[in-house]
C-alpha atoms as a PDB file:
ATOM      1  CA  UNK A   1      24.934  17.492 -14.828  1.00  0.00           C
ATOM      2  CA  UNK A   2      23.124  20.750 -14.356  1.00  0.00           C
ATOM      3  CA  UNK A   3      21.961  22.140 -11.017  1.00  0.00           C
ATOM      4  CA  UNK A   4      18.480  20.683 -11.517  1.00  0.00           C
ATOM      5  CA  UNK A   5      19.216  17.121 -12.518  1.00  0.00           C
ATOM      6  CA  UNK A   6      17.456  15.238  -9.750  1.00  0.00           C
ATOM      7  CA  UNK A   7      14.053  13.613  -9.754  1.00  0.00           C
ATOM      8  CA  UNK A   8      11.916  13.626  -6.624  1.00  0.00           C
ATOM      9  CA  UNK A   9      10.080  10.331  -6.076  1.00  0.00           C
ATOM     10  CA  UNK A  10       7.165  10.180  -3.686  1.00  0.00           C
ATOM     11  CA  UNK A  11       3.918   8.292  -3.153  1.00  0.00           C
ATOM     12  CA  UNK A  12       0.254   8.952  -2.647  1.00  0.00           C
ATOM     13  CA  UNK A  13      -0.709  10.106   0.825  1.00  0.00           C
ATOM     14  CA  UNK A  14      -1.569   6.608   2.038  1.00  0.00           C
ATOM     15  CA  UNK A  15       0.727   4.141   0.228  1.00  0.00           C
ATOM     16  CA  UNK A  16       0.735   0.407   0.714  1.00  0.00           C
ATOM     17  CA  UNK A  17       3.885  -1.280   2.015  1.00  0.00           C
ATOM     18  CA  UNK A  18       4.415  -2.745  -1.478  1.00  0.00           C
ATOM     19  CA  UNK A  19       4.347   0.731  -3.031  1.00  0.00           C
ATOM     20  CA  UNK A  20       6.868   1.995  -0.431  1.00  0.00           C
ATOM     21  CA  UNK A  21       9.206  -0.944  -1.165  1.00  0.00           C
ATOM     22  CA  UNK A  22       8.773  -0.433  -4.917  1.00  0.00           C
ATOM     23  CA  UNK A  23       9.785   3.240  -4.537  1.00  0.00           C
ATOM     24  CA  UNK A  24      12.887   2.215  -2.570  1.00  0.00           C
ATOM     25  CA  UNK A  25      13.762  -0.245  -5.357  1.00  0.00           C
ATOM     26  CA  UNK A  26      13.436   2.491  -7.996  1.00  0.00           C
ATOM     27  CA  UNK A  27      15.769   4.825  -6.087  1.00  0.00           C
ATOM     28  CA  UNK A  28      18.407   2.079  -6.054  1.00  0.00           C
ATOM     29  CA  UNK A  29      18.391   1.623  -9.847  1.00  0.00           C
ATOM     30  CA  UNK A  30      17.536   5.041 -11.312  1.00  0.00           C
ATOM     31  CA  UNK A  31      20.344   7.544 -10.875  1.00  0.00           C
ATOM     32  CA  UNK A  32      19.580  11.022  -9.553  1.00  0.00           C
ATOM     33  CA  UNK A  33      16.368   9.991  -7.830  1.00  0.00           C
ATOM     34  CA  UNK A  34      15.582  11.296  -4.335  1.00  0.00           C
ATOM     35  CA  UNK A  35      12.794   9.579  -2.385  1.00  0.00           C
ATOM     36  CA  UNK A  36      10.710  11.671  -0.011  1.00  0.00           C
ATOM     37  CA  UNK A  37       7.873  10.491   2.205  1.00  0.00           C
ATOM     38  CA  UNK A  38       4.822  12.500   1.190  1.00  0.00           C
ATOM     39  CA  UNK A  39       2.824  12.425   4.394  1.00  0.00           C
ATOM     40  CA  UNK A  40       0.161  15.120   4.189  1.00  0.00           C
ATOM     41  CA  UNK A  41       1.923  17.236   1.549  1.00  0.00           C
ATOM     42  CA  UNK A  42      -0.301  18.821  -1.069  1.00  0.00           C
ATOM     43  CA  UNK A  43       0.797  18.798  -4.706  1.00  0.00           C
ATOM     44  CA  UNK A  44       2.093  22.383  -4.303  1.00  0.00           C
ATOM     45  CA  UNK A  45       4.105  21.304  -1.266  1.00  0.00           C
ATOM     46  CA  UNK A  46       5.504  18.357  -3.265  1.00  0.00           C
ATOM     47  CA  UNK A  47       6.679  20.864  -5.914  1.00  0.00           C
ATOM     48  CA  UNK A  48       8.277  23.051  -3.197  1.00  0.00           C
ATOM     49  CA  UNK A  49      10.028  20.029  -1.667  1.00  0.00           C
ATOM     50  CA  UNK A  50      11.339  19.021  -5.092  1.00  0.00           C
ATOM     51  CA  UNK A  51      12.848  22.468  -5.626  1.00  0.00           C
ATOM     52  CA  UNK A  52      14.408  22.367  -2.135  1.00  0.00           C
ATOM     53  CA  UNK A  53      15.968  18.995  -3.046  1.00  0.00           C
ATOM     54  CA  UNK A  54      17.336  20.424  -6.320  1.00  0.00           C
ATOM     55  CA  UNK A  55      14.905  18.434  -8.471  1.00  0.00           C
ATOM     56  CA  UNK A  56      13.144  19.670 -11.590  1.00  0.00           C
ATOM     57  CA  UNK A  57      10.944  16.607 -12.110  1.00  0.00           C
ATOM     58  CA  UNK A  58       8.610  14.577  -9.874  1.00  0.00           C
ATOM     59  CA  UNK A  59       7.365  11.002 -10.040  1.00  0.00           C
ATOM     60  CA  UNK A  60       4.383  10.018  -7.885  1.00  0.00           C
ATOM     61  CA  UNK A  61       3.530   6.355  -7.342  1.00  0.00           C
ATOM     62  CA  UNK A  62      -0.122   6.130  -6.360  1.00  0.00           C
ATOM     63  CA  UNK A  63      -2.686   3.512  -5.424  1.00  0.00           C
ATOM     64  CA  UNK A  64      -5.254   3.036  -8.160  1.00  0.00           C
ATOM     65  CA  UNK A  65      -8.730   1.547  -7.701  1.00  0.00           C
ATOM     66  CA  UNK A  66      -7.553  -0.514  -4.728  1.00  0.00           C
ATOM     67  CA  UNK A  67      -4.886  -2.181  -6.846  1.00  0.00           C
ATOM     68  CA  UNK A  68      -1.156  -1.906  -7.311  1.00  0.00           C
ATOM     69  CA  UNK A  69      -1.157   1.635  -8.543  1.00  0.00           C
ATOM     70  CA  UNK A  70      -0.104   4.069 -11.171  1.00  0.00           C
ATOM     71  CA  UNK A  71       2.985   6.109 -11.880  1.00  0.00           C
ATOM     72  CA  UNK A  72       2.581   9.772 -12.801  1.00  0.00           C
ATOM     73  CA  UNK A  73       5.299  12.044 -14.158  1.00  0.00           C
ATOM     74  CA  UNK A  74       5.522  15.818 -13.655  1.00  0.00           C
ATOM     75  CA  UNK A  75       7.828  18.674 -14.637  1.00  0.00           C
ATOM     76  CA  UNK A  76       8.172  21.603 -12.258  1.00  0.00           C
ATOM     77  CA  UNK A  77       7.430  24.957 -13.842  1.00  0.00           C
ATOM     78  CA  UNK A  78       6.462  28.463 -12.808  1.00  0.00           C
ATOM     79  CA  UNK A  79       2.905  27.282 -12.101  1.00  0.00           C
ATOM     80  CA  UNK A  80       3.887  24.214 -10.080  1.00  0.00           C
ATOM     81  CA  UNK A  81       3.611  20.641 -11.337  1.00  0.00           C
ATOM     82  CA  UNK A  82       2.820  20.031 -15.015  1.00  0.00           C
ATOM     83  CA  UNK A  83       1.781  16.522 -16.028  1.00  0.00           C
ATOM     84  CA  UNK A  84       3.997  14.587 -18.454  1.00  0.00           C
ATOM     85  CA  UNK A  85       2.390  11.849 -20.577  1.00  0.00           C
ATOM     86  CA  UNK A  86       1.748   8.995 -20.115  1.00  0.00           C
ATOM     87  CA  UNK A  87       0.401   7.929 -16.750  1.00  0.00           C
ATOM     88  CA  UNK A  88       1.484   4.327 -16.263  1.00  0.00           C
ATOM     89  CA  UNK A  89      -1.039   1.936 -14.743  1.00  0.00           C
ATOM     90  CA  UNK A  90       0.588  -1.072 -13.111  1.00  0.00           C
ATOM     91  CA  UNK A  91      -0.662  -4.539 -13.987  1.00  0.00           C
ATOM     92  CA  UNK A  92       2.014  -6.132 -11.811  1.00  0.00           C
ATOM     93  CA  UNK A  93       5.361  -5.575 -10.156  1.00  0.00           C
ATOM     94  CA  UNK A  94       8.067  -7.873  -8.921  1.00  0.00           C
ATOM     95  CA  UNK A  95      10.264  -6.321  -6.251  1.00  0.00           C
ATOM     96  CA  UNK A  96      14.051  -6.556  -6.013  1.00  0.00           C
ATOM     97  CA  UNK A  97      13.828  -8.840  -2.988  1.00  0.00           C
ATOM     98  CA  UNK A  98      12.064 -11.425  -5.204  1.00  0.00           C
ATOM     99  CA  UNK A  99      15.179 -11.753  -7.335  1.00  0.00           C
ATOM    100  CA  UNK A 100      18.350 -13.300  -5.996  1.00  0.00           C
ATOM    101  CA  UNK A 101      21.073 -10.812  -6.844  1.00  0.00           C
ATOM    102  CA  UNK A 102      24.145 -10.450  -4.721  1.00  0.00           C
ATOM    103  CA  UNK A 103      24.136  -7.329  -2.576  1.00  0.00           C
ATOM    104  CA  UNK A 104      23.942  -4.485  -5.090  1.00  0.00           C
ATOM    105  CA  UNK A 105      26.880  -2.124  -5.100  1.00  0.00           C
ATOM    106  CA  UNK A 106      26.154   1.549  -5.752  1.00  0.00           C
ATOM    107  CA  UNK A 107      25.214   1.987  -9.379  1.00  0.00           C
ATOM    108  CA  UNK A 108      26.897   4.622 -11.527  1.00  0.00           C
ATOM    109  CA  UNK A 109      25.482   4.234 -15.046  1.00  0.00           C
ATOM    110  CA  UNK A 110      22.046   3.457 -16.479  1.00  0.00           C
ATOM    111  CA  UNK A 111      20.874   3.072 -20.059  1.00  0.00           C
ATOM    112  CA  UNK A 112      17.550   2.230 -21.692  1.00  0.00           C
ATOM    113  CA  UNK A 113      17.342  -0.659 -24.149  1.00  0.00           C
ATOM    114  CA  UNK A 114      14.264  -1.943 -25.983  1.00  0.00           C
ATOM    115  CA  UNK A 115      13.579  -5.088 -27.897  1.00  0.00           C
ATOM    116  CA  UNK A 116      10.631  -4.453 -30.186  1.00  0.00           C
ATOM    117  CA  UNK A 117       8.782  -1.758 -32.093  1.00  0.00           C
ATOM    118  CA  UNK A 118       5.895  -1.858 -29.588  1.00  0.00           C
ATOM    119  CA  UNK A 119       8.221  -0.572 -26.848  1.00  0.00           C
ATOM    120  CA  UNK A 120       9.972   2.144 -28.880  1.00  0.00           C
ATOM    121  CA  UNK A 121       7.605   5.001 -27.929  1.00  0.00           C
ATOM    122  CA  UNK A 122       7.849   4.110 -24.223  1.00  0.00           C
ATOM    123  CA  UNK A 123      11.663   3.939 -24.417  1.00  0.00           C
ATOM    124  CA  UNK A 124      11.859   7.347 -26.110  1.00  0.00           C
ATOM    125  CA  UNK A 125       9.435   8.932 -23.638  1.00  0.00           C
ATOM    126  CA  UNK A 126      11.199   7.576 -20.546  1.00  0.00           C
ATOM    127  CA  UNK A 127      14.535   8.610 -22.047  1.00  0.00           C
ATOM    128  CA  UNK A 128      13.346  12.214 -22.369  1.00  0.00           C
ATOM    129  CA  UNK A 129      11.862  12.368 -18.884  1.00  0.00           C
ATOM    130  CA  UNK A 130      14.666  10.548 -17.025  1.00  0.00           C
ATOM    131  CA  UNK A 131      17.538  11.995 -19.124  1.00  0.00           C
ATOM    132  CA  UNK A 132      18.831   8.488 -19.842  1.00  0.00           C
ATOM    133  CA  UNK A 133      20.084   7.472 -23.303  1.00  0.00           C
ATOM    134  CA  UNK A 134      18.446   4.753 -25.405  1.00  0.00           C
ATOM    135  CA  UNK A 135      21.026   2.480 -27.019  1.00  0.00           C
ATOM    136  CA  UNK A 136      21.117  -0.844 -28.836  1.00  0.00           C
ATOM    137  CA  UNK A 137      21.838  -3.705 -26.425  1.00  0.00           C
ATOM    138  CA  UNK A 138      25.277  -4.486 -27.901  1.00  0.00           C
ATOM    139  CA  UNK A 139      26.439  -0.910 -27.369  1.00  0.00           C
ATOM    140  CA  UNK A 140      24.920  -0.741 -23.859  1.00  0.00           C
ATOM    141  CA  UNK A 141      26.822  -3.873 -22.794  1.00  0.00           C
ATOM    142  CA  UNK A 142      30.132  -2.126 -23.449  1.00  0.00           C
ATOM    143  CA  UNK A 143      29.495   1.150 -21.630  1.00  0.00           C
ATOM    144  CA  UNK A 144      26.857   0.796 -18.901  1.00  0.00           C
ATOM    145  CA  UNK A 145      26.343  -0.995 -15.586  1.00  0.00           C
ATOM    146  CA  UNK A 146      22.536  -1.337 -15.636  1.00  0.00           C
ATOM    147  CA  UNK A 147      19.947  -1.446 -18.417  1.00  0.00           C
ATOM    148  CA  UNK A 148      16.316  -0.473 -18.038  1.00  0.00           C
ATOM    149  CA  UNK A 149      15.021  -2.907 -20.650  1.00  0.00           C
ATOM    150  CA  UNK A 150      11.623  -2.199 -22.208  1.00  0.00           C
ATOM    151  CA  UNK A 151       9.797  -4.940 -24.074  1.00  0.00           C
ATOM    152  CA  UNK A 152       6.337  -6.410 -24.631  1.00  0.00           C
ATOM    153  CA  UNK A 153       5.121  -9.577 -22.960  1.00  0.00           C
ATOM    154  CA  UNK A 154       2.979 -12.312 -24.540  1.00  0.00           C
ATOM    155  CA  UNK A 155      -0.173 -10.221 -23.900  1.00  0.00           C
ATOM    156  CA  UNK A 156       1.441  -7.190 -25.638  1.00  0.00           C
ATOM    157  CA  UNK A 157       1.718  -5.324 -22.336  1.00  0.00           C
ATOM    158  CA  UNK A 158       4.787  -3.144 -21.848  1.00  0.00           C
ATOM    159  CA  UNK A 159       7.270  -4.656 -19.412  1.00  0.00           C
ATOM    160  CA  UNK A 160      10.170  -2.752 -17.832  1.00  0.00           C
ATOM    161  CA  UNK A 161      12.988  -4.771 -16.292  1.00  0.00           C
ATOM    162  CA  UNK A 162      16.315  -3.757 -14.789  1.00  0.00           C
ATOM    163  CA  UNK A 163      19.331  -5.843 -15.831  1.00  0.00           C
ATOM    164  CA  UNK A 164      22.864  -5.850 -14.437  1.00  0.00           C
ATOM    165  CA  UNK A 165      25.348  -5.590 -17.310  1.00  0.00           C
ATOM    166  CA  UNK A 166      27.293  -7.172 -18.906  1.00  0.00           C
ATOM    167  CA  UNK A 167      25.989 -10.373 -17.238  1.00  0.00           C
ATOM    168  CA  UNK A 168      22.377  -9.572 -18.241  1.00  0.00           C
ATOM    169  CA  UNK A 169      21.122 -10.684 -14.815  1.00  0.00           C
ATOM    170  CA  UNK A 170      17.729  -9.296 -13.851  1.00  0.00           C
ATOM    171  CA  UNK A 171      17.968  -7.380 -10.563  1.00  0.00           C
ATOM    172  CA  UNK A 172      14.495  -5.869 -10.387  1.00  0.00           C
ATOM    173  CA  UNK A 173      12.163  -4.331 -10.012  1.00  0.00           C
ATOM    174  CA  UNK A 174      10.118  -5.722 -12.919  1.00  0.00           C
ATOM    175  CA  UNK A 175       7.151  -3.582 -13.914  1.00  0.00           C
ATOM    176  CA  UNK A 176       4.286  -4.849 -16.077  1.00  0.00           C
ATOM    177  CA  UNK A 177       1.949  -2.138 -17.319  1.00  0.00           C
ATOM    178  CA  UNK A 178      -1.722  -2.197 -18.153  1.00  0.00           C
ATOM    179  CA  UNK A 179      -2.419  -0.728 -21.577  1.00  0.00           C
ATOM    180  CA  UNK A 180      -0.642   2.625 -21.707  1.00  0.00           C
ATOM    181  CA  UNK A 181      -2.895   5.688 -21.988  1.00  0.00           C
ATOM    182  CA  UNK A 182      -1.119   8.422 -23.949  1.00  0.00           C
ATOM    183  CA  UNK A 183      -2.435  11.958 -23.537  1.00  0.00           C
ATOM    184  CA  UNK A 184      -3.007  13.786 -26.810  1.00  0.00           C
ATOM    185  CA  UNK A 185      -0.115  16.050 -27.795  1.00  0.00           C
ATOM    186  CA  UNK A 186      -0.861  19.683 -28.535  1.00  0.00           C
END
């Protein structure tokens, strides 16, 4: 791990209790994530806080049109926060408390798996941003404790689930996305 291997996770300025709980769930399953309450911080102050925490990337979970929200990804550069595509609009989430796992022990390894061609681009993109490998499920079962599994549901929406390995027990959160809006690449 290099000196800047953390990811700062924060919310919009006025998050719902569901968004706060969702952020706590993400910090339990994604390694190297540091959650910070945003309060009245501007985007520049969020970038400064990330650098103070030793993070080089930022994820902001925001309310969107009165609904569940959206997830935005940023890299920290010389000019502050630079957006990383895509922005993920949430169609639904299921929190960890809605599953019935035993008390989760600290997690030490995370891998991304995907089950269909529709989810391949999302798996590759999240792998690059989160610095998590993408592996076939059989290989992941042998080496990792948790899988971030990316698939498509019956409505062809991307679904992200977290599974305890090797038992393949879903531990949450489960994230269902609205159609993903990819920004054009330059």
